[in-house]
Structures are given as structure tokens and as C-alpha cells.
Amino acid sequence: MRNLQEKAEIMDEFAVSRAINRIAYEILERNKEMQNVAFVGIQTTGVVIAKNIARKIKEMEGISVPVGSMDITFYRDDLTLLAEHPVINGNDIAFTIHGKNIVLVDDVLFSGRTIRAAIESLFDMGRPDKIELAVLVDRGHRELPIRADYVGKNVPTAKNEYIYVDANENNIRRVSVCAKV
């Protein structure tokens, strides 16, 4: 949380777990043919969330949903603004996306530009039958006509606020609204 000051915690670990459970249930309800579903998490926190949703579906239904990860850095329209030498994590998708129902997973939906970049990247890898979007937090302020199919929590924010997702490689510890200091 460099240069950010926490204003309020909006989700603790328990609330995050409940949101992930709800998203998992909704995905199961809308996708009767789960053998055609795969998750692609956007690096880095989207991957953690995707793995947690897949783990919950495995617990509930005994269904193993494949999970891949995607780095959309080179697809961003603001690449020159990110850093002089951006860190690239690469893609790790060990399944074909052609003909699949891909659930794209990210932590926070804001302007929609990250999701646009991720969709562009997916189509460079193949042609899925369908792309759905799951996000832990939707904070509004869309600049593109993109909406999430599955949302853990809607959090109205000011444009100068940020959503901080405190995560490690296995789980999300908490989510906070922050402001620059």
C-alpha cells in the first residue's frame, strides 16, 4: 500500500470467502455444462481469486474446473504510463480456449480497460464460445461498455480512491478503500 492511506476496510477474510462462495454458486447455476467451463485469472490477484472459486466448486460439486493465468501487460493501452521496464509474468493456460466458456477473473473492475485488454489477449489465443467476467469488487467509473456477470461486492468509490486487495498466493486477506497520500 505504498503511497496509499487506508480509509476503510470493506471486506475482511470472512466476507471475501462469502463473496467467493456466492460467485461459485452463481457460476454453477448459470453453467449447467461445467465440463466446458474454464477460468482465466488476470495476473496477479485475479489468479488467486480464480483458484479459490475453482476450489470452492470442487468442494461443492466435485467438479475440477481448469484454471489458467494471463498477463495482459502488452495489451494495455497505457503501457507507456506503467513503468519504464514493466514486469511481465506471462500466460499459463494449459488448456485450449477454443470452444470453451471462459470465465475471466479479476480482483477489481474499474474503467474496463484491463478487461478489454484481457479479451483481446484471449482472442489471440483462440476462439472461445463465450466469455464471462467475475470480479471480487466492482467500483464503478466505467469508461468502456463492460460489466461483470459475477460480482462479489459493489463498492461505489470516488475517482481519486483506490481499492486495495491484500492477498498472498493462496487467498485474499482483506479488501480496503484507500486514498493517495
Protein backbone atom coordinates (compact mmCIF):
# COMPACT_ATOMS: atom_id res chain seq x y z
CA MET A 1 0.00 0.00 0.00
CA ARG A 2 2.82 2.38 -0.86
CA ASN A 3 1.62 5.99 -1.01
CA LEU A 4 -1.91 4.88 -0.08
CA GLN A 5 -3.74 5.52 3.17
CA GLU A 6 -6.50 3.13 4.17
CA LYS A 7 -9.85 4.87 4.58
CA ALA A 8 -11.99 1.82 5.38
CA GLU A 9 -11.84 -1.95 5.30
CA ILE A 10 -14.76 -3.11 3.15
CA MET A 11 -14.24 -6.86 3.32
CA ASP A 12 -12.43 -8.99 5.87
CA GLU A 13 -11.30 -12.56 5.15
CA PHE A 14 -14.72 -13.97 6.10
CA ALA A 15 -16.58 -11.53 3.81
CA VAL A 16 -14.19 -12.34 0.96
CA SER A 17 -14.84 -16.06 1.49
CA ARG A 18 -18.60 -15.48 1.40
CA ALA A 19 -18.28 -13.45 -1.81
CA ILE A 20 -16.22 -16.21 -3.44
CA ASN A 21 -18.79 -18.80 -2.34
CA ARG A 22 -21.60 -16.71 -3.85
CA ILE A 23 -19.72 -16.30 -7.13
CA ALA A 24 -19.07 -20.08 -7.25
CA TYR A 25 -22.79 -20.82 -6.70
CA GLU A 26 -23.81 -18.34 -9.40
CA ILE A 27 -21.35 -19.85 -11.89
CA LEU A 28 -22.74 -23.32 -11.17
CA GLU A 29 -26.33 -22.08 -11.60
CA ARG A 30 -25.66 -20.37 -14.94
CA ASN A 31 -23.43 -23.08 -16.42
CA LYS A 32 -25.19 -26.44 -16.48
CA GLU A 33 -22.39 -27.90 -18.64
CA MET A 34 -19.45 -27.26 -16.32
CA GLN A 35 -17.14 -29.58 -18.32
CA ASN A 36 -16.95 -26.79 -20.92
CA VAL A 37 -16.04 -24.06 -18.39
CA ALA A 38 -12.52 -22.84 -17.64
CA PHE A 39 -11.26 -19.95 -15.53
CA VAL A 40 -8.59 -17.48 -16.62
CA GLY A 41 -7.33 -15.21 -13.86
CA ILE A 42 -5.70 -11.90 -14.69
CA GLN A 43 -2.26 -11.63 -13.05
CA THR A 44 -1.80 -11.47 -10.18
CA THR A 45 -4.73 -11.24 -7.79
CA GLY A 46 -7.29 -12.43 -10.35
CA VAL A 47 -5.41 -15.75 -10.45
CA VAL A 48 -5.74 -16.15 -6.67
CA ILE A 49 -9.47 -15.46 -6.88
CA ALA A 50 -9.92 -17.86 -9.83
CA LYS A 51 -8.16 -20.65 -7.91
CA ASN A 52 -10.34 -20.01 -4.87
CA ILE A 53 -13.55 -20.15 -6.94
CA ALA A 54 -12.37 -23.37 -8.60
CA ARG A 55 -11.52 -24.85 -5.18
CA LYS A 56 -15.00 -23.96 -3.89
CA ILE A 57 -16.70 -25.58 -6.91
CA LYS A 58 -14.59 -28.70 -6.34
CA GLU A 59 -15.71 -28.79 -2.68
CA MET A 60 -19.39 -28.26 -3.52
CA GLU A 61 -19.81 -30.37 -6.65
CA GLY A 62 -16.67 -32.46 -7.03
CA ILE A 63 -16.02 -30.79 -10.40
CA SER A 64 -12.47 -29.76 -11.30
CA VAL A 65 -12.52 -26.57 -13.35
CA PRO A 66 -9.26 -25.79 -15.16
CA VAL A 67 -7.60 -22.53 -14.12
CA GLY A 68 -5.16 -20.55 -16.22
CA SER A 69 -3.41 -17.23 -15.71
CA MET A 70 -2.92 -14.33 -18.06
CA ASP A 71 -0.65 -11.30 -18.06
CA ILE A 72 -2.21 -8.54 -20.18
CA THR A 73 0.66 -6.04 -19.86
CA PHE A 74 1.41 -5.88 -23.60
CA TYR A 75 -2.27 -5.48 -24.44
CA ARG A 76 -2.78 -2.42 -22.25
CA ASP A 77 -3.46 0.91 -23.93
CA ASP A 78 -1.46 2.67 -21.20
CA LEU A 79 1.70 0.53 -21.39
CA THR A 80 3.97 3.57 -21.69
CA LEU A 81 2.49 5.01 -18.49
CA LEU A 82 3.04 1.88 -16.34
CA ALA A 83 6.79 1.78 -15.89
CA GLU A 84 9.98 2.10 -17.85
CA HIS A 85 10.54 -1.66 -17.53
CA PRO A 86 7.24 -3.38 -16.66
CA VAL A 87 7.40 -6.82 -15.06
CA ILE A 88 5.93 -9.47 -17.34
CA ASN A 89 4.58 -12.66 -15.76
CA GLY A 90 3.47 -14.40 -18.95
CA ASN A 91 0.47 -16.61 -19.60
CA ASP A 92 -0.05 -20.05 -18.14
CA ILE A 93 -3.05 -21.61 -19.85
CA ALA A 94 -2.63 -25.39 -20.12
CA PHE A 95 -5.91 -25.96 -21.96
CA THR A 96 -7.36 -24.91 -25.28
CA ILE A 97 -9.72 -21.97 -25.04
CA HIS A 98 -11.31 -22.74 -28.40
CA GLY A 99 -14.95 -23.70 -27.89
CA LYS A 100 -14.83 -23.14 -24.11
CA ASN A 101 -16.89 -20.93 -21.84
CA ILE A 102 -14.13 -18.82 -20.34
CA VAL A 103 -14.79 -17.08 -17.05
CA LEU A 104 -12.30 -14.23 -16.92
CA VAL A 105 -11.49 -13.39 -13.29
CA ASP A 106 -10.06 -10.17 -11.86
CA ASP A 107 -9.95 -8.50 -8.48
CA VAL A 108 -11.36 -5.02 -9.20
CA LEU A 109 -13.44 -3.75 -12.11
CA PHE A 110 -12.93 -0.03 -12.67
CA SER A 111 -12.68 1.58 -16.11
CA GLY A 112 -12.99 -1.67 -18.07
CA ARG A 113 -9.68 -1.19 -19.87
CA THR A 114 -7.97 -4.17 -18.21
CA ILE A 115 -10.86 -6.41 -19.23
CA ARG A 116 -10.76 -5.10 -22.80
CA ALA A 117 -7.06 -5.97 -22.93
CA ALA A 118 -7.72 -9.44 -21.49
CA ILE A 119 -10.45 -10.17 -24.04
CA GLU A 120 -8.12 -9.08 -26.85
CA SER A 121 -5.43 -11.39 -25.47
CA LEU A 122 -7.89 -14.31 -25.24
CA PHE A 123 -8.90 -13.93 -28.87
CA ASP A 124 -5.23 -14.02 -29.88
CA MET A 125 -5.11 -17.49 -28.26
CA GLY A 126 -8.26 -18.91 -29.85
CA ARG A 127 -11.98 -18.51 -30.16
CA PRO A 128 -13.94 -19.27 -27.00
CA ASP A 129 -17.69 -19.93 -27.32
CA LYS A 130 -18.39 -17.43 -24.56
CA ILE A 131 -16.53 -15.10 -22.22
CA GLU A 132 -18.00 -14.19 -18.84
CA LEU A 133 -16.48 -11.89 -16.24
CA ALA A 134 -16.16 -12.48 -12.49
CA VAL A 135 -14.76 -9.78 -10.20
CA LEU A 136 -14.37 -9.55 -6.46
CA VAL A 137 -15.15 -5.80 -6.40
CA ASP A 138 -16.93 -3.56 -8.90
CA ARG A 139 -16.12 0.05 -8.04
CA GLY A 140 -17.87 1.76 -10.95
CA HIS A 141 -16.50 4.57 -13.15
CA ARG A 142 -16.64 2.56 -16.38
CA GLU A 143 -15.05 4.09 -19.47
CA LEU A 144 -15.95 1.16 -21.72
CA PRO A 145 -19.25 -0.73 -22.09
CA ILE A 146 -18.14 -3.66 -19.92
CA ARG A 147 -19.99 -5.19 -16.98
CA ALA A 148 -19.30 -8.18 -14.77
CA ASP A 149 -21.50 -11.28 -14.86
CA TYR A 150 -20.46 -12.22 -11.31
CA VAL A 151 -19.65 -9.63 -8.63
CA GLY A 152 -18.55 -10.25 -5.07
CA LYS A 153 -19.32 -6.72 -3.89
CA ASN A 154 -20.28 -3.40 -5.47
CA VAL A 155 -18.39 -0.55 -3.82
CA PRO A 156 -19.12 2.99 -5.02
CA THR A 157 -15.89 4.99 -4.88
CA ALA A 158 -14.66 8.43 -5.78
CA LYS A 159 -12.34 8.57 -8.77
CA ASN A 160 -9.41 9.53 -6.53
CA GLU A 161 -9.91 6.48 -4.30
CA TYR A 162 -8.43 3.04 -4.84
CA ILE A 163 -9.39 -0.48 -3.89
CA TYR A 164 -6.55 -2.36 -2.23
CA VAL A 165 -6.79 -6.16 -2.25
CA ASP A 166 -4.46 -7.71 0.34
CA ALA A 167 -3.59 -11.16 -0.98
CA ASN A 168 -0.93 -13.82 -0.91
CA GLU A 169 -0.55 -16.64 -3.43
CA ASN A 170 -3.37 -18.68 -1.85
CA ASN A 171 -6.03 -16.33 -0.51
CA ILE A 172 -7.38 -12.83 -0.11
CA ARG A 173 -6.96 -11.49 3.43
CA ARG A 174 -8.97 -8.28 3.14
CA VAL A 175 -10.12 -5.51 0.82
CA SER A 176 -9.88 -1.79 1.65
CA VAL A 177 -10.74 1.57 0.17
CA CYS A 178 -7.68 3.80 0.11
CA ALA A 179 -6.67 7.30 -0.95
CA LYS A 180 -3.31 8.62 -2.14
CA VAL A 181 -1.17 10.39 0.45
